[in-house]
Amino acid sequence: MSDLFAFAEVMERRDAALDLHEKTETGAEYLARARAAAVHLAAKNGTVSVDDVRAVCGNPPPDADPRIMGSIFRRGWRKVGYENSLRGINNGRPVARFEYVGQAA
């Protein structure tokens, strides 16, 4: 399998997994709040990270898949850089910063 097809397959599997977050009541509610907060923060500050969203919305509900955070910036956002996370659990790993570029779906 070529690298291009392998990459496409990985992206399809990732998108299918992220789609599941939209289908649970808990996930859909949290994502709606988190996305609204992200848009507000981006309008106020220019860019936003997942750490910024967590500071406003808190962590996802315990019954939500923790990977739900990856669903917040799926559509309507452009990655503009990285910064080290300030969350202790992340041990300073890089998290992306995003700018809002359109209608988030």
N, C-alpha and C. Protein backbone atom coordinates (compact mmCIF):
# COMPACT_ATOMS: atom_id res chain seq x y z
N MET A 1 0.85 -1.17 0.00
CA MET A 1 0.00 0.00 0.00
C MET A 1 0.90 1.24 0.00
N SER A 2 0.57 2.19 -0.85
CA SER A 2 1.38 3.40 -0.91
C SER A 2 1.16 4.26 0.33
N ASP A 3 2.11 5.12 0.60
CA ASP A 3 2.00 6.02 1.75
C ASP A 3 0.75 6.88 1.67
N LEU A 4 0.40 7.32 0.46
CA LEU A 4 -0.77 8.17 0.29
C LEU A 4 -2.05 7.43 0.68
N PHE A 5 -2.17 6.17 0.25
CA PHE A 5 -3.36 5.40 0.60
C PHE A 5 -3.38 5.06 2.08
N ALA A 6 -2.23 4.78 2.64
CA ALA A 6 -2.16 4.49 4.07
C ALA A 6 -2.57 5.71 4.87
N PHE A 7 -2.11 6.88 4.47
CA PHE A 7 -2.48 8.11 5.16
C PHE A 7 -3.98 8.35 5.05
N ALA A 8 -4.54 8.17 3.87
CA ALA A 8 -5.97 8.36 3.66
C ALA A 8 -6.78 7.41 4.54
N GLU A 9 -6.32 6.18 4.66
CA GLU A 9 -7.03 5.21 5.49
C GLU A 9 -6.98 5.61 6.97
N VAL A 10 -5.84 6.06 7.42
CA VAL A 10 -5.69 6.51 8.80
C VAL A 10 -6.61 7.70 9.06
N MET A 11 -6.67 8.64 8.14
CA MET A 11 -7.53 9.81 8.31
C MET A 11 -9.00 9.42 8.33
N GLU A 12 -9.39 8.47 7.51
CA GLU A 12 -10.79 8.00 7.52
C GLU A 12 -11.14 7.36 8.85
N ARG A 13 -10.23 6.56 9.39
CA ARG A 13 -10.49 5.93 10.69
C ARG A 13 -10.56 6.97 11.79
N ARG A 14 -9.68 7.97 11.73
CA ARG A 14 -9.72 9.05 12.73
C ARG A 14 -11.03 9.80 12.66
N ASP A 15 -11.46 10.16 11.45
CA ASP A 15 -12.70 10.90 11.29
C ASP A 15 -13.90 10.09 11.76
N ALA A 16 -13.90 8.79 11.50
CA ALA A 16 -15.00 7.94 11.96
C ALA A 16 -15.05 7.90 13.49
N ALA A 17 -13.89 7.83 14.13
CA ALA A 17 -13.84 7.83 15.59
C ALA A 17 -14.31 9.16 16.15
N LEU A 18 -13.89 10.26 15.53
CA LEU A 18 -14.32 11.58 16.02
C LEU A 18 -15.81 11.79 15.79
N ASP A 19 -16.36 11.23 14.71
CA ASP A 19 -17.80 11.33 14.46
C ASP A 19 -18.61 10.72 15.59
N LEU A 20 -18.08 9.68 16.23
CA LEU A 20 -18.82 9.03 17.32
C LEU A 20 -19.09 10.00 18.47
N HIS A 21 -18.18 10.95 18.70
CA HIS A 21 -18.39 11.91 19.79
C HIS A 21 -19.63 12.76 19.54
N GLU A 22 -19.93 13.01 18.29
CA GLU A 22 -21.08 13.85 17.94
C GLU A 22 -22.40 13.12 18.19
N LYS A 23 -22.35 11.80 18.28
CA LYS A 23 -23.57 11.00 18.32
C LYS A 23 -24.03 10.64 19.72
N THR A 24 -23.21 10.90 20.72
CA THR A 24 -23.64 10.63 22.08
C THR A 24 -24.20 11.93 22.68
N GLU A 25 -25.18 11.80 23.52
CA GLU A 25 -25.80 12.99 24.12
C GLU A 25 -24.77 13.79 24.91
N THR A 26 -23.99 13.09 25.72
CA THR A 26 -22.96 13.76 26.52
C THR A 26 -21.94 14.45 25.62
N GLY A 27 -21.50 13.74 24.60
CA GLY A 27 -20.50 14.31 23.70
C GLY A 27 -21.03 15.50 22.94
N ALA A 28 -22.23 15.40 22.42
CA ALA A 28 -22.82 16.49 21.64
C ALA A 28 -22.99 17.74 22.51
N GLU A 29 -23.44 17.57 23.75
CA GLU A 29 -23.64 18.71 24.64
C GLU A 29 -22.30 19.38 24.98
N TYR A 30 -21.31 18.57 25.31
CA TYR A 30 -20.01 19.14 25.66
C TYR A 30 -19.39 19.84 24.45
N LEU A 31 -19.47 19.21 23.28
CA LEU A 31 -18.89 19.82 22.08
C LEU A 31 -19.57 21.14 21.74
N ALA A 32 -20.88 21.22 21.91
CA ALA A 32 -21.58 22.47 21.62
C ALA A 32 -21.06 23.59 22.53
N ARG A 33 -20.91 23.30 23.82
CA ARG A 33 -20.38 24.30 24.76
C ARG A 33 -18.93 24.65 24.44
N ALA A 34 -18.13 23.62 24.18
CA ALA A 34 -16.70 23.83 23.93
C ALA A 34 -16.48 24.62 22.65
N ARG A 35 -17.24 24.31 21.62
CA ARG A 35 -17.08 25.04 20.35
C ARG A 35 -17.52 26.49 20.49
N ALA A 36 -18.60 26.72 21.21
CA ALA A 36 -19.05 28.10 21.43
C ALA A 36 -17.99 28.87 22.22
N ALA A 37 -17.42 28.24 23.22
CA ALA A 37 -16.36 28.89 24.00
C ALA A 37 -15.15 29.17 23.13
N ALA A 38 -14.79 28.23 22.27
CA ALA A 38 -13.62 28.41 21.39
C ALA A 38 -13.82 29.59 20.45
N VAL A 39 -15.02 29.70 19.86
CA VAL A 39 -15.30 30.81 18.96
C VAL A 39 -15.22 32.13 19.73
N HIS A 40 -15.80 32.17 20.92
CA HIS A 40 -15.77 33.38 21.74
C HIS A 40 -14.32 33.76 22.09
N LEU A 41 -13.54 32.78 22.53
CA LEU A 41 -12.16 33.05 22.90
C LEU A 41 -11.32 33.51 21.70
N ALA A 42 -11.56 32.91 20.55
CA ALA A 42 -10.83 33.32 19.35
C ALA A 42 -11.20 34.74 18.94
N ALA A 43 -12.47 35.09 19.07
CA ALA A 43 -12.89 36.46 18.74
C ALA A 43 -12.25 37.47 19.69
N LYS A 44 -12.11 37.07 20.93
CA LYS A 44 -11.54 37.95 21.94
C LYS A 44 -10.01 38.04 21.86
N ASN A 45 -9.36 36.89 21.63
CA ASN A 45 -7.90 36.81 21.74
C ASN A 45 -7.17 36.59 20.41
N GLY A 46 -7.90 36.31 19.36
CA GLY A 46 -7.28 36.05 18.06
C GLY A 46 -7.03 34.58 17.80
N THR A 47 -6.55 33.85 18.80
CA THR A 47 -6.31 32.42 18.66
C THR A 47 -6.76 31.72 19.94
N VAL A 48 -6.84 30.40 19.86
CA VAL A 48 -7.31 29.62 21.00
C VAL A 48 -6.67 28.24 20.96
N SER A 49 -6.47 27.65 22.13
CA SER A 49 -5.95 26.29 22.23
C SER A 49 -6.94 25.45 23.03
N VAL A 50 -6.72 24.16 23.02
CA VAL A 50 -7.57 23.27 23.80
C VAL A 50 -7.43 23.57 25.29
N ASP A 51 -6.27 24.01 25.73
CA ASP A 51 -6.11 24.40 27.14
C ASP A 51 -7.01 25.59 27.49
N ASP A 52 -7.13 26.55 26.56
CA ASP A 52 -8.01 27.70 26.79
C ASP A 52 -9.47 27.24 26.93
N VAL A 53 -9.87 26.31 26.08
CA VAL A 53 -11.25 25.81 26.14
C VAL A 53 -11.49 25.07 27.45
N ARG A 54 -10.54 24.25 27.86
CA ARG A 54 -10.69 23.54 29.13
C ARG A 54 -10.81 24.52 30.30
N ALA A 55 -10.10 25.63 30.24
CA ALA A 55 -10.15 26.61 31.32
C ALA A 55 -11.55 27.19 31.47
N VAL A 56 -12.29 27.27 30.37
CA VAL A 56 -13.65 27.82 30.40
C VAL A 56 -14.69 26.73 30.64
N CYS A 57 -14.56 25.60 29.95
CA CYS A 57 -15.59 24.56 29.98
C CYS A 57 -15.29 23.42 30.94
N GLY A 58 -14.10 23.36 31.45
CA GLY A 58 -13.72 22.23 32.28
C GLY A 58 -13.40 21.01 31.43
N ASN A 59 -13.12 19.92 32.10
CA ASN A 59 -12.83 18.68 31.41
C ASN A 59 -14.12 18.09 30.85
N PRO A 60 -13.98 17.22 29.86
CA PRO A 60 -15.18 16.53 29.36
C PRO A 60 -15.82 15.72 30.49
N PRO A 61 -17.10 15.44 30.39
CA PRO A 61 -17.76 14.62 31.40
C PRO A 61 -17.07 13.26 31.52
N PRO A 62 -17.12 12.65 32.70
CA PRO A 62 -16.41 11.39 32.91
C PRO A 62 -16.82 10.27 31.94
N ASP A 63 -18.05 10.30 31.47
CA ASP A 63 -18.48 9.23 30.56
C ASP A 63 -18.17 9.53 29.10
N ALA A 64 -17.57 10.68 28.82
CA ALA A 64 -17.17 11.02 27.45
C ALA A 64 -15.76 10.50 27.19
N ASP A 65 -15.52 10.09 25.97
CA ASP A 65 -14.19 9.66 25.55
C ASP A 65 -13.27 10.88 25.65
N PRO A 66 -12.13 10.78 26.33
CA PRO A 66 -11.25 11.94 26.47
C PRO A 66 -10.75 12.49 25.14
N ARG A 67 -10.77 11.67 24.10
CA ARG A 67 -10.33 12.14 22.79
C ARG A 67 -11.34 13.10 22.17
N ILE A 68 -12.43 13.37 22.87
CA ILE A 68 -13.44 14.31 22.39
C ILE A 68 -12.82 15.69 22.15
N MET A 69 -11.77 16.01 22.88
CA MET A 69 -11.14 17.32 22.74
C MET A 69 -10.63 17.53 21.32
N GLY A 70 -10.27 16.47 20.64
CA GLY A 70 -9.81 16.57 19.27
C GLY A 70 -10.91 16.95 18.29
N SER A 71 -12.16 16.81 18.73
CA SER A 71 -13.29 17.13 17.86
C SER A 71 -13.64 18.61 17.85
N ILE A 72 -13.16 19.36 18.80
CA ILE A 72 -13.55 20.77 18.92
C ILE A 72 -13.14 21.57 17.69
N PHE A 73 -11.93 21.36 17.21
CA PHE A 73 -11.37 22.18 16.14
C PHE A 73 -11.38 21.48 14.78
N ARG A 74 -12.31 20.58 14.56
CA ARG A 74 -12.34 19.80 13.31
C ARG A 74 -12.68 20.64 12.09
N ARG A 75 -13.64 21.53 12.22
CA ARG A 75 -14.11 22.30 11.06
C ARG A 75 -14.17 23.78 11.42
N GLY A 76 -13.76 24.61 10.48
CA GLY A 76 -13.84 26.05 10.68
C GLY A 76 -12.63 26.66 11.36
N TRP A 77 -11.56 25.87 11.51
CA TRP A 77 -10.38 26.34 12.21
C TRP A 77 -9.13 26.07 11.40
N ARG A 78 -8.13 26.93 11.59
CA ARG A 78 -6.82 26.74 10.95
C ARG A 78 -5.77 26.72 12.06
N LYS A 79 -4.93 25.71 12.02
CA LYS A 79 -3.83 25.60 12.98
C LYS A 79 -2.79 26.67 12.63
N VAL A 80 -2.39 27.46 13.62
CA VAL A 80 -1.45 28.55 13.36
C VAL A 80 -0.15 28.41 14.15
N GLY A 81 -0.05 27.41 14.97
CA GLY A 81 1.18 27.22 15.71
C GLY A 81 0.98 26.27 16.88
N TYR A 82 2.00 26.20 17.69
CA TYR A 82 1.98 25.33 18.87
C TYR A 82 2.52 26.09 20.07
N GLU A 83 2.11 25.63 21.24
CA GLU A 83 2.65 26.15 22.49
C GLU A 83 2.71 24.99 23.46
N ASN A 84 3.52 25.11 24.48
CA ASN A 84 3.58 24.06 25.48
C ASN A 84 2.36 24.17 26.38
N SER A 85 1.75 23.03 26.64
CA SER A 85 0.59 22.99 27.51
C SER A 85 0.99 23.36 28.93
N LEU A 86 0.13 24.08 29.61
CA LEU A 86 0.36 24.44 31.01
C LEU A 86 -0.31 23.45 31.96
N ARG A 87 -1.06 22.49 31.42
CA ARG A 87 -1.70 21.49 32.26
C ARG A 87 -0.65 20.51 32.75
N GLY A 88 -0.58 20.32 34.05
CA GLY A 88 0.42 19.45 34.64
C GLY A 88 0.42 18.05 34.06
N ILE A 89 -0.75 17.52 33.80
CA ILE A 89 -0.86 16.15 33.29
C ILE A 89 -0.22 16.02 31.90
N ASN A 90 -0.10 17.12 31.19
CA ASN A 90 0.48 17.08 29.84
C ASN A 90 2.00 17.21 29.85
N ASN A 91 2.58 17.47 31.00
CA ASN A 91 4.05 17.57 31.11
C ASN A 91 4.66 18.52 30.07
N GLY A 92 3.96 19.60 29.76
CA GLY A 92 4.50 20.61 28.85
C GLY A 92 4.50 20.21 27.38
N ARG A 93 3.78 19.15 27.02
CA ARG A 93 3.77 18.74 25.60
C ARG A 93 3.12 19.82 24.76
N PRO A 94 3.48 19.91 23.49
CA PRO A 94 2.90 20.95 22.63
C PRO A 94 1.42 20.70 22.35
N VAL A 95 0.65 21.77 22.37
CA VAL A 95 -0.74 21.75 21.92
C VAL A 95 -0.88 22.83 20.85
N ALA A 96 -1.76 22.57 19.92
CA ALA A 96 -1.93 23.50 18.79
C ALA A 96 -2.72 24.73 19.20
N ARG A 97 -2.43 25.84 18.52
CA ARG A 97 -3.25 27.06 18.61
C ARG A 97 -3.96 27.17 17.28
N PHE A 98 -5.20 27.65 17.33
CA PHE A 98 -6.05 27.75 16.16
C PHE A 98 -6.61 29.15 16.03
N GLU A 99 -6.89 29.52 14.78
CA GLU A 99 -7.68 30.73 14.52
C GLU A 99 -8.97 30.28 13.83
N TYR A 100 -10.01 31.01 14.12
CA TYR A 100 -11.32 30.70 13.54
C TYR A 100 -11.38 31.27 12.13
N VAL A 101 -11.75 30.41 11.18
CA VAL A 101 -11.79 30.85 9.78
C VAL A 101 -13.16 30.67 9.12
N GLY A 102 -14.11 30.11 9.82
CA GLY A 102 -15.41 29.92 9.19
C GLY A 102 -16.38 29.22 10.08
N GLN A 103 -17.50 28.93 9.50
CA GLN A 103 -18.60 28.29 10.22
C GLN A 103 -18.18 26.92 10.73
N ALA A 104 -18.11 26.77 12.03
CA ALA A 104 -17.82 25.46 12.63
C ALA A 104 -19.08 24.62 12.58
N ALA A 105 -18.93 23.37 12.16
CA ALA A 105 -20.11 22.50 12.05
C ALA A 105 -20.07 21.43 13.09
